[in-house]
Every structure is written in structure tokens, then in C-alpha cells.
Amino acid sequence: MADRGRENGAAVVEPGGDGLIRVRGDMVFSTAGSLLEQGDALIAGEGPLVVDLSGVSKCDSAALALLLEWLERARRRGTDIRYRHLPDALRGIARLSNVEALLPLADA
């Protein structure tokens, strides 16, 4: 059923074990609110955390805002968070917005 939701533009944030968080689907304006809530529940746990974005199929500037918000929330909780497999489109948006250096990246 999760795959069917992804076909309709839905997105999910799910635990992958050992501090890994996986994002699948579209990270766009229409999914940002849901992703924020899902991710917030997962970053409330113990760190360090790695957010794997290899399952992201589409993204826009809302994805960048979401990553920066998760980063801020994690830091307020004293949790280290890093991003892995940043999509090229998202990296381009971050570069154009002059915030690429703010995103802590994990080794692939």
C-alpha cells in the first residue's frame, strides 16, 4: 500500500535502524507538512542520526526548508543529524540559495 501512495505523490519517513532514517517519495510543498511531523517524531530519539534521501523521487524548495528545519530541531535537542544521498536537484536549490554549506552531509 505504501508504494501505491508514492505513485500519488505521497512520501514517508521511516526508521531504518541504528540511527538511520529513510525518506521515500516526493519531498514537495504538498508533502512537507506530513514529512515534518513524521521526521520530528524520529529525530526526537537518540542520536547521532543519518537521513537517507536516496528514495526521494521528486523535490522542490520545500525539501530544502524541511531539511533545515529538521537540522534546527535536532540541534535544539542536542542530536547530531547528517544527510546522505542528497538529490542533485536539492543540492542545486541549496547552492542557488547559498545554504549548501549549512547542510551536514554523511559519507555515502
Protein backbone atom coordinates (compact mmCIF):
# COMPACT_ATOMS: atom_id res chain seq x y z
CA MET A 1 0.00 0.00 0.00
CA ALA A 2 2.91 2.39 0.68
CA ASP A 3 4.05 2.05 -2.93
CA ARG A 4 0.58 2.94 -4.15
CA GLY A 5 0.70 6.13 -2.06
CA ARG A 6 4.04 7.02 -3.57
CA GLU A 7 2.52 6.82 -7.03
CA ASN A 8 0.10 9.53 -5.93
CA GLY A 9 2.88 11.82 -4.71
CA ALA A 10 2.83 10.71 -1.07
CA ALA A 11 6.00 10.48 0.95
CA VAL A 12 7.09 8.64 4.07
CA VAL A 13 9.79 8.96 6.67
CA GLU A 14 10.68 5.66 8.30
CA PRO A 15 13.28 4.32 10.72
CA GLY A 16 15.99 2.16 9.22
CA GLY A 17 17.66 1.09 12.47
CA ASP A 18 20.86 2.25 14.18
CA GLY A 19 20.04 5.95 13.78
CA LEU A 20 19.18 5.69 10.09
CA ILE A 21 16.07 7.49 8.84
CA ARG A 22 14.84 6.88 5.30
CA VAL A 23 12.77 9.31 3.25
CA ARG A 24 10.83 7.89 0.29
CA GLY A 25 8.61 9.61 -2.25
CA ASP A 26 8.15 13.26 -3.16
CA MET A 27 9.61 15.99 -0.94
CA VAL A 28 7.48 18.85 -2.25
CA PHE A 29 5.17 21.55 -0.90
CA SER A 30 2.18 19.20 -0.79
CA THR A 31 4.02 16.61 1.36
CA ALA A 32 6.17 18.91 3.51
CA GLY A 33 3.76 19.15 6.45
CA SER A 34 3.37 15.40 6.75
CA LEU A 35 7.10 14.82 6.34
CA LEU A 36 7.86 17.42 9.01
CA GLU A 37 5.63 15.62 11.52
CA GLN A 38 6.92 12.15 10.62
CA GLY A 39 10.54 13.27 10.78
CA ASP A 40 10.07 15.19 14.00
CA ALA A 41 8.87 12.04 15.74
CA LEU A 42 12.01 10.19 14.61
CA ILE A 43 14.55 12.91 15.41
CA ALA A 44 13.16 13.07 18.93
CA GLY A 45 15.11 9.87 19.65
CA GLU A 46 18.74 9.32 20.47
CA GLY A 47 21.41 10.40 18.00
CA PRO A 48 23.51 10.56 16.01
CA LEU A 49 21.14 10.32 13.06
CA VAL A 50 21.65 9.89 9.32
CA VAL A 51 18.79 10.78 6.99
CA ASP A 52 19.00 8.78 3.75
CA LEU A 53 17.43 10.66 0.84
CA SER A 54 18.13 8.04 -1.86
CA GLY A 55 14.42 7.18 -2.01
CA VAL A 56 13.34 10.73 -2.84
CA SER A 57 11.73 10.76 -6.27
CA LYS A 58 10.99 14.48 -6.63
CA CYS A 59 11.88 17.59 -4.63
CA ASP A 60 11.47 21.35 -4.63
CA SER A 61 12.46 24.21 -2.35
CA ALA A 62 10.13 22.86 0.35
CA ALA A 63 12.54 19.92 0.69
CA LEU A 64 15.37 22.31 1.49
CA ALA A 65 13.26 24.11 4.08
CA LEU A 66 12.36 20.75 5.59
CA LEU A 67 15.99 19.60 5.89
CA LEU A 68 16.97 22.90 7.52
CA GLU A 69 14.04 22.64 9.95
CA TRP A 70 14.94 19.06 10.91
CA LEU A 71 18.52 20.22 11.41
CA GLU A 72 17.42 23.03 13.72
CA ARG A 73 15.09 20.79 15.73
CA ALA A 74 17.76 18.11 16.11
CA ARG A 75 20.33 20.66 17.26
CA ARG A 76 17.91 22.08 19.84
CA ARG A 77 17.64 18.56 21.24
CA GLY A 78 21.40 18.11 21.20
CA THR A 79 21.21 15.48 18.46
CA ASP A 80 23.70 15.26 15.60
CA ILE A 81 21.99 14.82 12.22
CA ARG A 82 23.52 14.33 8.79
CA TYR A 83 22.08 13.87 5.30
CA ARG A 84 23.09 11.12 2.88
CA HIS A 85 22.38 10.83 -0.87
CA LEU A 86 21.21 14.41 -1.33
CA PRO A 87 19.40 14.52 -4.71
CA ASP A 88 21.15 16.64 -7.35
CA ALA A 89 18.10 18.88 -7.72
CA LEU A 90 18.07 19.56 -3.98
CA ARG A 91 21.80 20.25 -3.94
CA GLY A 92 21.25 22.75 -6.77
CA ILE A 93 18.47 24.52 -4.86
CA ALA A 94 20.70 24.70 -1.77
CA ARG A 95 23.59 26.08 -3.84
CA LEU A 96 21.39 28.73 -5.51
CA SER A 97 20.00 29.67 -2.09
CA ASN A 98 23.54 29.97 -0.75
CA VAL A 99 22.87 27.49 2.08
CA GLU A 100 24.61 24.37 0.77
CA ALA A 101 27.33 24.68 3.41
CA LEU A 102 24.69 24.57 6.17
CA LEU A 103 23.67 21.00 5.30
CA PRO A 104 25.80 18.45 7.16
CA LEU A 105 26.43 15.56 4.78
CA ALA A 106 27.24 11.97 5.71
CA ASP A 107 29.60 9.76 3.76
CA ALA A 108 27.77 7.52 1.30
